[in-house]
N, C-alpha and C. Protein backbone atom coordinates (compact mmCIF):
# COMPACT_ATOMS: atom_id res chain seq x y z
N MET A 1 0.85 -1.18 0.00
CA MET A 1 0.00 0.00 0.00
C MET A 1 0.90 1.24 0.00
N LYS A 2 0.53 2.23 -0.80
CA LYS A 2 1.24 3.49 -0.83
C LYS A 2 0.26 4.57 -0.35
N VAL A 3 0.68 5.33 0.66
CA VAL A 3 -0.18 6.37 1.24
C VAL A 3 0.50 7.71 1.07
N SER A 4 -0.24 8.69 0.57
CA SER A 4 0.27 10.04 0.43
C SER A 4 -0.70 10.99 1.12
N MET A 5 -0.22 11.61 2.20
CA MET A 5 -1.05 12.57 2.92
C MET A 5 -1.18 13.84 2.10
N GLY A 6 -2.24 14.55 2.32
CA GLY A 6 -2.47 15.81 1.61
C GLY A 6 -1.52 16.88 2.09
N VAL A 7 -1.94 18.10 2.05
CA VAL A 7 -1.12 19.26 2.38
C VAL A 7 -0.81 19.26 3.88
N ALA A 8 0.47 19.34 4.20
CA ALA A 8 0.92 19.32 5.60
C ALA A 8 0.52 20.60 6.32
N LEU A 9 0.30 20.46 7.61
CA LEU A 9 0.00 21.60 8.48
C LEU A 9 1.23 21.94 9.31
N PRO A 10 1.38 23.21 9.69
CA PRO A 10 2.47 23.54 10.61
C PRO A 10 2.16 23.01 12.01
N LEU A 11 3.16 22.94 12.85
CA LEU A 11 2.96 22.53 14.23
C LEU A 11 1.92 23.42 14.91
N PHE A 12 1.15 22.83 15.77
CA PHE A 12 0.14 23.50 16.60
C PHE A 12 -1.07 23.99 15.81
N ALA A 13 -1.19 23.62 14.55
CA ALA A 13 -2.41 23.91 13.79
C ALA A 13 -3.18 22.60 13.71
N GLN A 14 -4.49 22.71 13.54
CA GLN A 14 -5.31 21.51 13.45
C GLN A 14 -6.17 21.56 12.20
N SER A 15 -6.82 20.45 11.91
CA SER A 15 -7.63 20.36 10.71
C SER A 15 -8.88 19.54 10.99
N VAL A 16 -9.97 19.96 10.38
CA VAL A 16 -11.21 19.18 10.44
C VAL A 16 -11.46 18.53 9.08
N CYS A 17 -10.48 18.65 8.18
CA CYS A 17 -10.60 18.06 6.85
C CYS A 17 -9.21 17.64 6.39
N GLU A 18 -9.10 16.40 5.99
CA GLU A 18 -7.84 15.89 5.45
C GLU A 18 -8.15 15.08 4.21
N LEU A 19 -7.26 15.14 3.27
CA LEU A 19 -7.37 14.35 2.05
C LEU A 19 -6.15 13.46 1.96
N VAL A 20 -6.37 12.21 1.56
CA VAL A 20 -5.29 11.23 1.51
C VAL A 20 -5.41 10.43 0.22
N ASP A 21 -4.28 10.23 -0.45
CA ASP A 21 -4.24 9.31 -1.59
C ASP A 21 -3.74 7.98 -1.07
N ILE A 22 -4.45 6.90 -1.41
CA ILE A 22 -4.03 5.55 -1.04
C ILE A 22 -4.03 4.69 -2.29
N GLU A 23 -2.89 4.09 -2.56
CA GLU A 23 -2.78 3.18 -3.70
C GLU A 23 -2.53 1.78 -3.17
N THR A 24 -3.33 0.83 -3.60
CA THR A 24 -3.18 -0.55 -3.14
C THR A 24 -2.87 -1.47 -4.33
N LEU A 25 -2.25 -2.59 -4.02
CA LEU A 25 -1.96 -3.57 -5.06
C LEU A 25 -3.22 -4.32 -5.46
N GLU A 26 -4.08 -4.53 -4.47
CA GLU A 26 -5.33 -5.26 -4.73
C GLU A 26 -6.46 -4.28 -4.99
N ASN A 27 -7.49 -4.75 -5.64
CA ASN A 27 -8.62 -3.91 -6.01
C ASN A 27 -9.71 -4.00 -4.93
N TYR A 28 -9.54 -3.24 -3.84
CA TYR A 28 -10.51 -3.24 -2.74
C TYR A 28 -11.69 -2.34 -3.09
N SER A 29 -12.84 -2.67 -2.53
CA SER A 29 -13.99 -1.78 -2.65
C SER A 29 -13.79 -0.63 -1.66
N THR A 30 -14.54 0.44 -1.85
CA THR A 30 -14.42 1.57 -0.92
C THR A 30 -14.84 1.16 0.50
N ASP A 31 -15.82 0.28 0.61
CA ASP A 31 -16.25 -0.20 1.94
C ASP A 31 -15.14 -0.99 2.62
N GLU A 32 -14.42 -1.81 1.86
CA GLU A 32 -13.32 -2.58 2.43
C GLU A 32 -12.20 -1.66 2.92
N VAL A 33 -11.89 -0.64 2.14
CA VAL A 33 -10.85 0.32 2.53
C VAL A 33 -11.28 1.04 3.81
N LYS A 34 -12.53 1.45 3.85
CA LYS A 34 -13.03 2.15 5.03
C LYS A 34 -12.92 1.28 6.28
N LEU A 35 -13.31 0.03 6.19
CA LEU A 35 -13.22 -0.89 7.34
C LEU A 35 -11.78 -1.07 7.80
N LYS A 36 -10.87 -1.24 6.86
CA LYS A 36 -9.46 -1.43 7.20
C LYS A 36 -8.88 -0.18 7.88
N LEU A 37 -9.24 0.98 7.38
CA LEU A 37 -8.72 2.22 7.95
C LEU A 37 -9.31 2.50 9.33
N GLU A 38 -10.59 2.25 9.50
CA GLU A 38 -11.24 2.52 10.79
C GLU A 38 -10.61 1.73 11.93
N LYS A 39 -10.05 0.58 11.61
CA LYS A 39 -9.41 -0.25 12.63
C LYS A 39 -8.13 0.38 13.18
N VAL A 40 -7.48 1.23 12.40
CA VAL A 40 -6.18 1.77 12.80
C VAL A 40 -6.17 3.28 13.04
N LEU A 41 -7.27 3.95 12.78
CA LEU A 41 -7.31 5.41 12.97
C LEU A 41 -7.32 5.76 14.46
N PRO A 42 -6.75 6.91 14.81
CA PRO A 42 -6.80 7.36 16.20
C PRO A 42 -8.24 7.62 16.64
N THR A 43 -8.49 7.51 17.94
CA THR A 43 -9.81 7.79 18.50
C THR A 43 -10.23 9.20 18.13
N GLY A 44 -11.47 9.35 17.74
CA GLY A 44 -12.00 10.66 17.37
C GLY A 44 -11.89 10.96 15.88
N SER A 45 -11.10 10.18 15.15
CA SER A 45 -10.99 10.37 13.71
C SER A 45 -12.19 9.74 13.03
N GLU A 46 -12.62 10.36 11.96
CA GLU A 46 -13.79 9.86 11.25
C GLU A 46 -13.55 9.95 9.74
N ILE A 47 -13.86 8.89 9.04
CA ILE A 47 -13.77 8.90 7.58
C ILE A 47 -15.10 9.42 7.06
N LEU A 48 -15.05 10.54 6.36
CA LEU A 48 -16.28 11.13 5.83
C LEU A 48 -16.66 10.55 4.48
N SER A 49 -15.67 10.28 3.66
CA SER A 49 -15.97 9.67 2.37
C SER A 49 -14.71 9.04 1.78
N ILE A 50 -14.93 8.08 0.93
CA ILE A 50 -13.85 7.45 0.18
C ILE A 50 -14.29 7.45 -1.28
N VAL A 51 -13.43 7.94 -2.13
CA VAL A 51 -13.74 8.02 -3.55
C VAL A 51 -12.65 7.28 -4.31
N LYS A 52 -13.05 6.37 -5.14
CA LYS A 52 -12.12 5.63 -5.98
C LYS A 52 -11.81 6.49 -7.20
N ILE A 53 -10.53 6.74 -7.43
CA ILE A 53 -10.14 7.58 -8.57
C ILE A 53 -9.23 6.78 -9.50
N ASP A 54 -9.14 7.23 -10.72
CA ASP A 54 -8.30 6.59 -11.71
C ASP A 54 -6.83 6.84 -11.38
N LYS A 55 -5.98 5.87 -11.70
CA LYS A 55 -4.54 6.01 -11.44
C LYS A 55 -3.94 7.21 -12.15
N SER A 56 -4.54 7.65 -13.22
CA SER A 56 -4.00 8.78 -13.98
C SER A 56 -4.42 10.13 -13.39
N ALA A 57 -5.30 10.12 -12.39
CA ALA A 57 -5.76 11.37 -11.77
C ALA A 57 -4.60 12.06 -11.05
N LYS A 58 -4.69 13.39 -10.96
CA LYS A 58 -3.66 14.14 -10.26
C LYS A 58 -3.67 13.77 -8.78
N SER A 59 -2.51 13.85 -8.15
CA SER A 59 -2.40 13.54 -6.72
C SER A 59 -3.02 14.67 -5.90
N ILE A 60 -3.30 14.36 -4.65
CA ILE A 60 -3.91 15.34 -3.74
C ILE A 60 -3.05 16.60 -3.64
N ASP A 61 -1.73 16.42 -3.48
CA ASP A 61 -0.89 17.60 -3.26
C ASP A 61 -0.78 18.51 -4.48
N THR A 62 -1.19 18.04 -5.66
CA THR A 62 -1.25 18.94 -6.82
C THR A 62 -2.68 19.38 -7.13
N THR A 63 -3.68 18.65 -6.63
CA THR A 63 -5.08 19.03 -6.83
C THR A 63 -5.45 20.19 -5.90
N VAL A 64 -5.05 20.10 -4.65
CA VAL A 64 -5.36 21.14 -3.66
C VAL A 64 -4.53 22.38 -3.98
N GLN A 65 -5.21 23.51 -4.16
CA GLN A 65 -4.51 24.76 -4.45
C GLN A 65 -4.79 25.86 -3.42
N TRP A 66 -5.90 25.78 -2.72
CA TRP A 66 -6.29 26.79 -1.74
C TRP A 66 -6.88 26.08 -0.53
N ALA A 67 -6.76 26.70 0.63
CA ALA A 67 -7.36 26.15 1.85
C ALA A 67 -7.95 27.29 2.67
N GLU A 68 -9.08 27.01 3.31
CA GLU A 68 -9.68 28.00 4.20
C GLU A 68 -9.34 27.62 5.64
N TYR A 69 -9.00 28.64 6.42
CA TYR A 69 -8.65 28.46 7.82
C TYR A 69 -9.57 29.29 8.69
N GLU A 70 -9.91 28.74 9.85
CA GLU A 70 -10.59 29.51 10.88
C GLU A 70 -9.53 29.85 11.92
N ILE A 71 -9.39 31.15 12.19
CA ILE A 71 -8.36 31.61 13.11
C ILE A 71 -9.02 32.39 14.24
N LYS A 72 -8.77 31.91 15.46
CA LYS A 72 -9.32 32.55 16.66
C LYS A 72 -8.18 32.97 17.57
N LEU A 73 -8.43 34.01 18.34
CA LEU A 73 -7.48 34.37 19.39
C LEU A 73 -7.42 33.23 20.39
N PHE A 74 -6.21 32.83 20.77
CA PHE A 74 -6.04 31.74 21.72
C PHE A 74 -6.70 32.09 23.05
N ASP A 75 -6.54 33.32 23.48
CA ASP A 75 -7.13 33.79 24.73
C ASP A 75 -7.62 35.21 24.51
N ASP A 76 -8.93 35.38 24.31
CA ASP A 76 -9.45 36.72 24.02
C ASP A 76 -9.50 37.63 25.24
N THR A 77 -9.12 37.12 26.40
CA THR A 77 -8.99 38.01 27.56
C THR A 77 -7.64 38.72 27.54
N LEU A 78 -6.68 38.20 26.77
CA LEU A 78 -5.35 38.81 26.68
C LEU A 78 -5.25 39.82 25.54
N TYR A 79 -6.09 39.64 24.52
CA TYR A 79 -6.05 40.53 23.37
C TYR A 79 -7.47 40.73 22.86
N ASP A 80 -7.83 41.97 22.60
CA ASP A 80 -9.19 42.34 22.21
C ASP A 80 -9.48 41.95 20.75
N PHE A 81 -10.65 41.36 20.52
CA PHE A 81 -11.03 40.93 19.17
C PHE A 81 -11.12 42.11 18.21
N GLU A 82 -11.61 43.25 18.65
CA GLU A 82 -11.72 44.42 17.78
C GLU A 82 -10.34 44.89 17.31
N ASN A 83 -9.34 44.82 18.19
CA ASN A 83 -7.97 45.15 17.78
C ASN A 83 -7.44 44.12 16.79
N PHE A 84 -7.77 42.86 17.01
CA PHE A 84 -7.40 41.79 16.08
C PHE A 84 -7.99 42.09 14.70
N LYS A 85 -9.27 42.43 14.67
CA LYS A 85 -9.95 42.77 13.42
C LYS A 85 -9.30 43.98 12.73
N TYR A 86 -9.04 45.00 13.52
CA TYR A 86 -8.44 46.23 12.98
C TYR A 86 -7.07 45.93 12.36
N ASN A 87 -6.21 45.22 13.09
CA ASN A 87 -4.87 44.91 12.58
C ASN A 87 -4.92 44.02 11.35
N THR A 88 -5.83 43.07 11.35
CA THR A 88 -5.98 42.18 10.19
C THR A 88 -6.41 42.98 8.97
N ASP A 89 -7.43 43.81 9.11
CA ASP A 89 -7.89 44.65 8.00
C ASP A 89 -6.77 45.57 7.51
N ARG A 90 -6.04 46.16 8.44
CA ARG A 90 -4.95 47.09 8.09
C ARG A 90 -3.91 46.40 7.22
N VAL A 91 -3.51 45.19 7.61
CA VAL A 91 -2.49 44.46 6.84
C VAL A 91 -3.06 43.94 5.52
N LEU A 92 -4.22 43.29 5.58
CA LEU A 92 -4.74 42.61 4.39
C LEU A 92 -5.28 43.54 3.31
N THR A 93 -5.59 44.79 3.65
CA THR A 93 -6.05 45.74 2.63
C THR A 93 -4.90 46.56 2.05
N SER A 94 -3.68 46.29 2.48
CA SER A 94 -2.51 46.97 1.92
C SER A 94 -2.33 46.58 0.46
N GLN A 95 -1.71 47.46 -0.32
CA GLN A 95 -1.44 47.16 -1.73
C GLN A 95 -0.44 46.02 -1.89
N GLU A 96 0.53 45.97 -0.98
CA GLU A 96 1.55 44.93 -0.98
C GLU A 96 1.73 44.42 0.45
N ILE A 97 2.00 43.13 0.58
CA ILE A 97 2.24 42.54 1.90
C ILE A 97 3.51 41.70 1.76
N PHE A 98 4.58 42.14 2.38
CA PHE A 98 5.86 41.45 2.25
C PHE A 98 6.19 40.62 3.48
N ILE A 99 6.71 39.42 3.22
CA ILE A 99 7.29 38.60 4.28
C ILE A 99 8.63 38.07 3.77
N GLU A 100 9.46 37.64 4.71
CA GLU A 100 10.73 37.03 4.34
C GLU A 100 10.55 35.53 4.34
N LYS A 101 11.01 34.89 3.26
CA LYS A 101 10.90 33.44 3.11
C LYS A 101 12.26 32.89 2.73
N LYS A 102 12.57 31.73 3.28
CA LYS A 102 13.82 31.06 2.95
C LYS A 102 13.58 30.17 1.74
N ASN A 103 14.44 30.30 0.73
CA ASN A 103 14.28 29.44 -0.45
C ASN A 103 15.01 28.11 -0.24
N LYS A 104 14.98 27.24 -1.24
CA LYS A 104 15.56 25.90 -1.11
C LYS A 104 17.06 25.93 -0.88
N LYS A 105 17.71 27.00 -1.29
CA LYS A 105 19.15 27.13 -1.10
C LYS A 105 19.49 27.76 0.25
N GLY A 106 18.46 28.09 1.04
CA GLY A 106 18.69 28.68 2.35
C GLY A 106 18.82 30.19 2.35
N LEU A 107 18.66 30.80 1.19
CA LEU A 107 18.75 32.25 1.10
C LEU A 107 17.42 32.89 1.48
N ILE A 108 17.47 33.99 2.19
CA ILE A 108 16.26 34.70 2.60
C ILE A 108 15.87 35.69 1.51
N LYS A 109 14.60 35.59 1.11
CA LYS A 109 14.08 36.43 0.03
C LYS A 109 12.82 37.13 0.52
N LYS A 110 12.66 38.38 0.19
CA LYS A 110 11.47 39.13 0.53
C LYS A 110 10.46 38.96 -0.60
N ILE A 111 9.24 38.46 -0.26
CA ILE A 111 8.24 38.27 -1.30
C ILE A 111 6.92 38.94 -0.92
N ASP A 112 6.20 39.36 -1.95
CA ASP A 112 4.88 39.96 -1.77
C ASP A 112 3.86 38.82 -1.75
N ILE A 113 3.14 38.68 -0.64
CA ILE A 113 2.19 37.57 -0.48
C ILE A 113 0.75 37.98 -0.76
N LYS A 114 0.55 39.17 -1.27
CA LYS A 114 -0.82 39.67 -1.51
C LYS A 114 -1.65 38.70 -2.35
N GLU A 115 -1.07 38.14 -3.42
CA GLU A 115 -1.83 37.24 -4.28
C GLU A 115 -2.01 35.85 -3.67
N CYS A 116 -1.38 35.59 -2.53
CA CYS A 116 -1.53 34.30 -1.82
C CYS A 116 -2.79 34.29 -0.95
N ILE A 117 -3.45 35.44 -0.86
CA ILE A 117 -4.64 35.60 -0.02
C ILE A 117 -5.83 35.81 -0.94
N LYS A 118 -6.71 34.80 -1.01
CA LYS A 118 -7.85 34.89 -1.92
C LYS A 118 -8.95 35.77 -1.33
N SER A 119 -9.31 35.52 -0.07
CA SER A 119 -10.39 36.28 0.56
C SER A 119 -10.33 36.08 2.07
N TYR A 120 -11.04 36.95 2.77
CA TYR A 120 -11.17 36.79 4.22
C TYR A 120 -12.45 37.45 4.70
N ARG A 121 -12.92 36.97 5.85
CA ARG A 121 -14.12 37.52 6.47
C ARG A 121 -14.06 37.22 7.96
N PHE A 122 -14.85 37.96 8.72
CA PHE A 122 -14.95 37.73 10.16
C PHE A 122 -16.34 37.22 10.49
N SER A 123 -16.40 36.23 11.39
CA SER A 123 -17.67 35.68 11.83
C SER A 123 -17.47 35.02 13.19
N ASP A 124 -18.38 35.29 14.12
CA ASP A 124 -18.35 34.66 15.45
C ASP A 124 -16.98 34.73 16.12
N LYS A 125 -16.39 35.91 16.15
CA LYS A 125 -15.08 36.13 16.77
C LYS A 125 -13.97 35.28 16.17
N SER A 126 -14.12 34.98 14.88
CA SER A 126 -13.11 34.22 14.14
C SER A 126 -12.81 34.92 12.82
N LEU A 127 -11.59 34.74 12.36
CA LEU A 127 -11.19 35.16 11.02
C LEU A 127 -11.24 33.91 10.15
N PHE A 128 -11.96 33.98 9.03
CA PHE A 128 -11.98 32.91 8.04
C PHE A 128 -11.22 33.45 6.83
N ILE A 129 -10.15 32.76 6.47
CA ILE A 129 -9.29 33.26 5.41
C ILE A 129 -8.90 32.12 4.47
N ILE A 130 -8.91 32.41 3.17
CA ILE A 130 -8.53 31.42 2.16
C ILE A 130 -7.13 31.79 1.65
N LEU A 131 -6.20 30.84 1.83
CA LEU A 131 -4.80 31.06 1.49
C LEU A 131 -4.33 30.04 0.46
N LYS A 132 -3.35 30.43 -0.34
CA LYS A 132 -2.73 29.54 -1.31
C LYS A 132 -2.01 28.44 -0.54
N THR A 133 -2.19 27.23 -1.00
CA THR A 133 -1.54 26.09 -0.37
C THR A 133 -1.15 25.09 -1.44
N GLY A 134 -0.63 23.97 -1.06
CA GLY A 134 -0.25 22.96 -2.04
C GLY A 134 1.04 23.32 -2.74
N GLN A 135 1.28 22.65 -3.84
CA GLN A 135 2.52 22.85 -4.58
C GLN A 135 2.46 24.11 -5.42
N ASN A 136 3.60 24.76 -5.52
CA ASN A 136 3.75 25.94 -6.37
C ASN A 136 4.05 25.45 -7.77
N LEU A 137 3.01 25.24 -8.57
CA LEU A 137 3.17 24.64 -9.89
C LEU A 137 3.66 25.65 -10.92
N GLU A 138 4.72 25.29 -11.63
CA GLU A 138 5.23 26.06 -12.77
C GLU A 138 5.37 27.55 -12.46
N GLY A 139 5.97 27.87 -11.33
CA GLY A 139 6.24 29.27 -11.01
C GLY A 139 5.01 30.08 -10.66
N GLY A 140 3.92 29.41 -10.29
CA GLY A 140 2.69 30.12 -9.94
C GLY A 140 2.77 30.80 -8.58
N ILE A 141 1.65 31.03 -8.00
CA ILE A 141 1.55 31.70 -6.70
C ILE A 141 2.14 30.79 -5.63
N PRO A 142 3.06 31.31 -4.80
CA PRO A 142 3.63 30.47 -3.75
C PRO A 142 2.61 30.20 -2.64
N SER A 143 2.80 29.12 -1.91
CA SER A 143 1.90 28.82 -0.80
C SER A 143 2.23 29.72 0.38
N LEU A 144 1.25 29.88 1.27
CA LEU A 144 1.40 30.73 2.44
C LEU A 144 0.84 30.03 3.65
N ARG A 145 1.65 29.90 4.69
CA ARG A 145 1.20 29.28 5.93
C ARG A 145 0.43 30.29 6.76
N ALA A 146 -0.68 29.84 7.33
CA ALA A 146 -1.52 30.73 8.14
C ALA A 146 -0.76 31.28 9.34
N ASP A 147 0.08 30.45 9.98
CA ASP A 147 0.82 30.93 11.15
C ASP A 147 1.82 32.03 10.77
N ASN A 148 2.43 31.94 9.60
CA ASN A 148 3.36 32.99 9.16
C ASN A 148 2.63 34.30 8.92
N LEU A 149 1.44 34.22 8.34
CA LEU A 149 0.65 35.43 8.10
C LEU A 149 0.24 36.06 9.43
N MET A 150 -0.21 35.24 10.37
CA MET A 150 -0.66 35.79 11.66
C MET A 150 0.50 36.40 12.44
N GLU A 151 1.69 35.87 12.29
CA GLU A 151 2.87 36.45 12.93
C GLU A 151 3.15 37.84 12.38
N LEU A 152 2.85 38.03 11.10
CA LEU A 152 3.00 39.35 10.49
C LEU A 152 1.92 40.31 10.98
N ILE A 153 0.70 39.82 11.10
CA ILE A 153 -0.43 40.66 11.51
C ILE A 153 -0.32 41.05 12.98
N LEU A 154 -0.09 40.08 13.84
CA LEU A 154 0.01 40.33 15.28
C LEU A 154 1.14 39.50 15.87
N PRO A 155 2.36 40.03 15.81
CA PRO A 155 3.48 39.29 16.39
C PRO A 155 3.26 39.04 17.89
N ASP A 156 3.68 37.90 18.35
CA ASP A 156 3.64 37.53 19.77
C ASP A 156 2.24 37.29 20.32
N VAL A 157 1.22 37.23 19.47
CA VAL A 157 -0.12 36.87 19.91
C VAL A 157 -0.35 35.42 19.48
N LYS A 158 -0.94 34.63 20.35
CA LYS A 158 -1.18 33.22 20.06
C LYS A 158 -2.58 33.03 19.47
N PHE A 159 -2.67 32.11 18.50
CA PHE A 159 -3.93 31.85 17.80
C PHE A 159 -4.23 30.36 17.77
N ASP A 160 -5.52 30.05 17.70
CA ASP A 160 -5.99 28.70 17.37
C ASP A 160 -6.24 28.71 15.87
N ILE A 161 -5.55 27.88 15.14
CA ILE A 161 -5.66 27.83 13.68
C ILE A 161 -6.20 26.46 13.29
N THR A 162 -7.32 26.46 12.57
CA THR A 162 -7.95 25.22 12.12
C THR A 162 -8.23 25.30 10.62
N ARG A 163 -7.72 24.33 9.89
CA ARG A 163 -8.03 24.25 8.46
C ARG A 163 -9.42 23.64 8.33
N VAL A 164 -10.30 24.30 7.55
CA VAL A 164 -11.70 23.84 7.49
C VAL A 164 -12.16 23.39 6.10
N ARG A 165 -11.48 23.82 5.02
CA ARG A 165 -11.91 23.42 3.67
C ARG A 165 -10.73 23.50 2.70
N PHE A 166 -10.85 22.74 1.62
CA PHE A 166 -9.88 22.76 0.52
C PHE A 166 -10.58 23.17 -0.77
N PHE A 167 -9.79 23.78 -1.68
CA PHE A 167 -10.29 24.17 -3.00
C PHE A 167 -9.27 23.80 -4.07
N ASP A 168 -9.76 23.54 -5.29
CA ASP A 168 -8.86 23.24 -6.41
C ASP A 168 -8.53 24.54 -7.16
N GLU A 169 -7.84 24.41 -8.29
CA GLU A 169 -7.41 25.59 -9.05
C GLU A 169 -8.58 26.37 -9.64
N ASN A 170 -9.76 25.74 -9.74
CA ASN A 170 -10.95 26.42 -10.25
C ASN A 170 -11.84 26.96 -9.13
N ASN A 171 -11.30 26.98 -7.93
CA ASN A 171 -12.02 27.46 -6.74
C ASN A 171 -13.21 26.59 -6.38
N GLN A 172 -13.19 25.34 -6.82
CA GLN A 172 -14.24 24.39 -6.46
C GLN A 172 -13.83 23.73 -5.15
N GLU A 173 -14.77 23.67 -4.21
CA GLU A 173 -14.48 23.03 -2.93
C GLU A 173 -14.29 21.53 -3.16
N LEU A 174 -13.25 20.98 -2.56
CA LEU A 174 -12.98 19.55 -2.66
C LEU A 174 -13.71 18.85 -1.53
N GLU A 175 -14.41 17.81 -1.87
CA GLU A 175 -15.16 17.06 -0.85
C GLU A 175 -14.20 16.25 -0.01
N VAL A 176 -14.47 16.26 1.29
CA VAL A 176 -13.67 15.45 2.21
C VAL A 176 -14.53 14.34 2.78
């Protein structure tokens, strides 16, 4: 069996949606795969769906292009939500948003991440933001980690970051 996990999360971030590619030597039904996986999954994990795809289909890490995150203040008694909203709006409505990123050769490069942010909104004391993720195909838009963006918006403030949805290159939500 060959297993390929979807887009990795940074430490201390969580997800309510994961996508996994599994290739087997034998031709199992989706029900058989589900039963086998349920026996070994950690407590609290749930398989929402299993879809059999053709071997020629793109892998998960190239299909997923965008992800939505729910970001909450870790402790709203330490930092006011209205200030969080104000700082987020101030940064995200800028014409350019620069961060320093280390390239594969270890060199630090300053890049504009404005195009890595598709959209954002506030709801129920949370920031919901869609960020570029997955592989940077053919020199396209680079991926952006939610924790790196939040460090830029509010340095030294702790957040609960949860990935909630995935999207493909056509902005279609991927079913989990």
